[in-house]
Amino acid sequence: MDIRDLPQGFAMKLMQNEQALKKFEALSEMEQESIATQLKSFTSRKEMLQFANEFIG
């Protein structure tokens, strides 16, 4: 999955954290698609940022 296909806020978070970007890139295509689907289901920016922060750890 191309990072440009992700919601902008999550993609920006990944780009700001090299370790998180590598973690995302190491996921299988199916796992990446699952995350993208989850991100698109959030109804607020707050939900997306919370998920991003949890993913980044």
N, C-alpha and C. Protein backbone atom coordinates (compact mmCIF):
# COMPACT_ATOMS: atom_id res chain seq x y z
N MET A 1 0.84 -1.17 0.00
CA MET A 1 0.00 0.00 0.00
C MET A 1 0.89 1.24 0.00
N ASP A 2 0.52 2.17 -0.79
CA ASP A 2 1.25 3.44 -0.85
C ASP A 2 0.77 4.33 0.29
N ILE A 3 1.70 4.94 0.98
CA ILE A 3 1.35 5.79 2.13
C ILE A 3 0.41 6.93 1.71
N ARG A 4 0.46 7.32 0.45
CA ARG A 4 -0.43 8.40 -0.03
C ARG A 4 -1.89 7.97 -0.08
N ASP A 5 -2.14 6.66 0.04
CA ASP A 5 -3.51 6.15 0.04
C ASP A 5 -4.14 6.18 1.44
N LEU A 6 -3.34 6.51 2.44
CA LEU A 6 -3.83 6.57 3.82
C LEU A 6 -4.42 7.94 4.10
N PRO A 7 -5.29 8.03 5.09
CA PRO A 7 -5.78 9.35 5.49
C PRO A 7 -4.59 10.26 5.82
N GLN A 8 -4.71 11.52 5.43
CA GLN A 8 -3.60 12.46 5.51
C GLN A 8 -3.00 12.58 6.91
N GLY A 9 -3.82 12.66 7.93
CA GLY A 9 -3.31 12.83 9.29
C GLY A 9 -2.44 11.66 9.74
N PHE A 10 -2.89 10.44 9.42
CA PHE A 10 -2.12 9.25 9.79
C PHE A 10 -0.83 9.19 8.99
N ALA A 11 -0.91 9.47 7.71
CA ALA A 11 0.28 9.46 6.87
C ALA A 11 1.30 10.47 7.38
N MET A 12 0.85 11.64 7.79
CA MET A 12 1.76 12.65 8.31
C MET A 12 2.43 12.18 9.59
N LYS A 13 1.66 11.53 10.46
CA LYS A 13 2.23 10.99 11.69
C LYS A 13 3.33 9.97 11.38
N LEU A 14 3.07 9.11 10.40
CA LEU A 14 4.07 8.12 10.02
C LEU A 14 5.33 8.79 9.46
N MET A 15 5.13 9.80 8.64
CA MET A 15 6.25 10.49 8.02
C MET A 15 7.12 11.22 9.05
N GLN A 16 6.51 11.59 10.16
CA GLN A 16 7.24 12.32 11.21
C GLN A 16 7.99 11.36 12.14
N ASN A 17 7.75 10.07 12.00
CA ASN A 17 8.36 9.10 12.90
C ASN A 17 8.89 7.93 12.07
N GLU A 18 10.19 7.92 11.84
CA GLU A 18 10.78 6.90 10.97
C GLU A 18 10.53 5.49 11.47
N GLN A 19 10.58 5.30 12.78
CA GLN A 19 10.34 3.97 13.35
C GLN A 19 8.91 3.50 13.06
N ALA A 20 7.94 4.40 13.20
CA ALA A 20 6.55 4.05 12.93
C ALA A 20 6.34 3.75 11.45
N LEU A 21 7.00 4.52 10.59
CA LEU A 21 6.89 4.28 9.15
C LEU A 21 7.44 2.90 8.80
N LYS A 22 8.57 2.55 9.36
CA LYS A 22 9.15 1.23 9.12
C LYS A 22 8.25 0.13 9.64
N LYS A 23 7.63 0.38 10.81
CA LYS A 23 6.70 -0.60 11.38
C LYS A 23 5.52 -0.83 10.43
N PHE A 24 4.97 0.25 9.90
CA PHE A 24 3.84 0.14 8.97
C PHE A 24 4.27 -0.58 7.69
N GLU A 25 5.41 -0.21 7.15
CA GLU A 25 5.89 -0.82 5.92
C GLU A 25 6.19 -2.30 6.08
N ALA A 26 6.52 -2.73 7.30
CA ALA A 26 6.82 -4.14 7.56
C ALA A 26 5.57 -5.00 7.64
N LEU A 27 4.40 -4.37 7.78
CA LEU A 27 3.15 -5.12 7.85
C LEU A 27 2.83 -5.72 6.48
N SER A 28 2.08 -6.80 6.51
CA SER A 28 1.63 -7.39 5.25
C SER A 28 0.63 -6.44 4.58
N GLU A 29 0.41 -6.66 3.30
CA GLU A 29 -0.55 -5.84 2.56
C GLU A 29 -1.94 -5.93 3.21
N MET A 30 -2.30 -7.11 3.67
CA MET A 30 -3.61 -7.30 4.31
C MET A 30 -3.69 -6.49 5.61
N GLU A 31 -2.63 -6.50 6.39
CA GLU A 31 -2.62 -5.73 7.64
C GLU A 31 -2.69 -4.23 7.36
N GLN A 32 -1.98 -3.78 6.35
CA GLN A 32 -2.02 -2.37 5.98
C GLN A 32 -3.42 -1.97 5.53
N GLU A 33 -4.05 -2.82 4.73
CA GLU A 33 -5.41 -2.55 4.26
C GLU A 33 -6.39 -2.50 5.44
N SER A 34 -6.19 -3.38 6.40
CA SER A 34 -7.05 -3.41 7.58
C SER A 34 -6.93 -2.10 8.36
N ILE A 35 -5.72 -1.61 8.51
CA ILE A 35 -5.51 -0.34 9.21
C ILE A 35 -6.16 0.80 8.43
N ALA A 36 -5.97 0.82 7.11
CA ALA A 36 -6.58 1.86 6.28
C ALA A 36 -8.10 1.86 6.41
N THR A 37 -8.69 0.68 6.43
CA THR A 37 -10.14 0.56 6.58
C THR A 37 -10.59 1.09 7.94
N GLN A 38 -9.83 0.72 8.98
CA GLN A 38 -10.15 1.21 10.32
C GLN A 38 -10.08 2.73 10.37
N LEU A 39 -9.02 3.29 9.80
CA LEU A 39 -8.83 4.74 9.83
C LEU A 39 -9.98 5.45 9.13
N LYS A 40 -10.43 4.89 8.03
CA LYS A 40 -11.52 5.51 7.27
C LYS A 40 -12.86 5.43 7.99
N SER A 41 -12.96 4.53 8.96
CA SER A 41 -14.23 4.38 9.69
C SER A 41 -14.36 5.36 10.85
N PHE A 42 -13.26 5.98 11.24
CA PHE A 42 -13.33 6.92 12.36
C PHE A 42 -14.15 8.15 11.98
N THR A 43 -14.90 8.62 12.94
CA THR A 43 -15.77 9.76 12.67
C THR A 43 -15.19 11.09 13.14
N SER A 44 -14.06 11.03 13.82
CA SER A 44 -13.45 12.29 14.27
C SER A 44 -11.94 12.23 14.13
N ARG A 45 -11.36 13.39 14.03
CA ARG A 45 -9.90 13.50 13.96
C ARG A 45 -9.28 12.96 15.25
N LYS A 46 -9.97 13.20 16.36
CA LYS A 46 -9.48 12.74 17.66
C LYS A 46 -9.30 11.22 17.69
N GLU A 47 -10.29 10.49 17.15
CA GLU A 47 -10.21 9.03 17.09
C GLU A 47 -9.01 8.59 16.26
N MET A 48 -8.82 9.24 15.11
CA MET A 48 -7.72 8.88 14.23
C MET A 48 -6.39 9.15 14.91
N LEU A 49 -6.26 10.30 15.55
CA LEU A 49 -5.00 10.63 16.23
C LEU A 49 -4.72 9.69 17.40
N GLN A 50 -5.75 9.29 18.11
CA GLN A 50 -5.57 8.34 19.20
C GLN A 50 -5.06 7.01 18.64
N PHE A 51 -5.65 6.55 17.56
CA PHE A 51 -5.20 5.31 16.92
C PHE A 51 -3.76 5.46 16.46
N ALA A 52 -3.44 6.59 15.84
CA ALA A 52 -2.07 6.82 15.36
C ALA A 52 -1.08 6.82 16.49
N ASN A 53 -1.42 7.45 17.59
CA ASN A 53 -0.52 7.49 18.73
C ASN A 53 -0.32 6.10 19.33
N GLU A 54 -1.37 5.30 19.36
CA GLU A 54 -1.26 3.93 19.86
C GLU A 54 -0.40 3.08 18.92
N PHE A 55 -0.57 3.29 17.62
CA PHE A 55 0.22 2.53 16.65
C PHE A 55 1.70 2.89 16.78
N ILE A 56 1.97 4.16 16.92
CA ILE A 56 3.36 4.63 17.02
C ILE A 56 3.99 4.15 18.32
N GLY A 57 3.17 4.10 19.36
CA GLY A 57 3.61 3.57 20.64
C GLY A 57 4.47 4.54 21.34
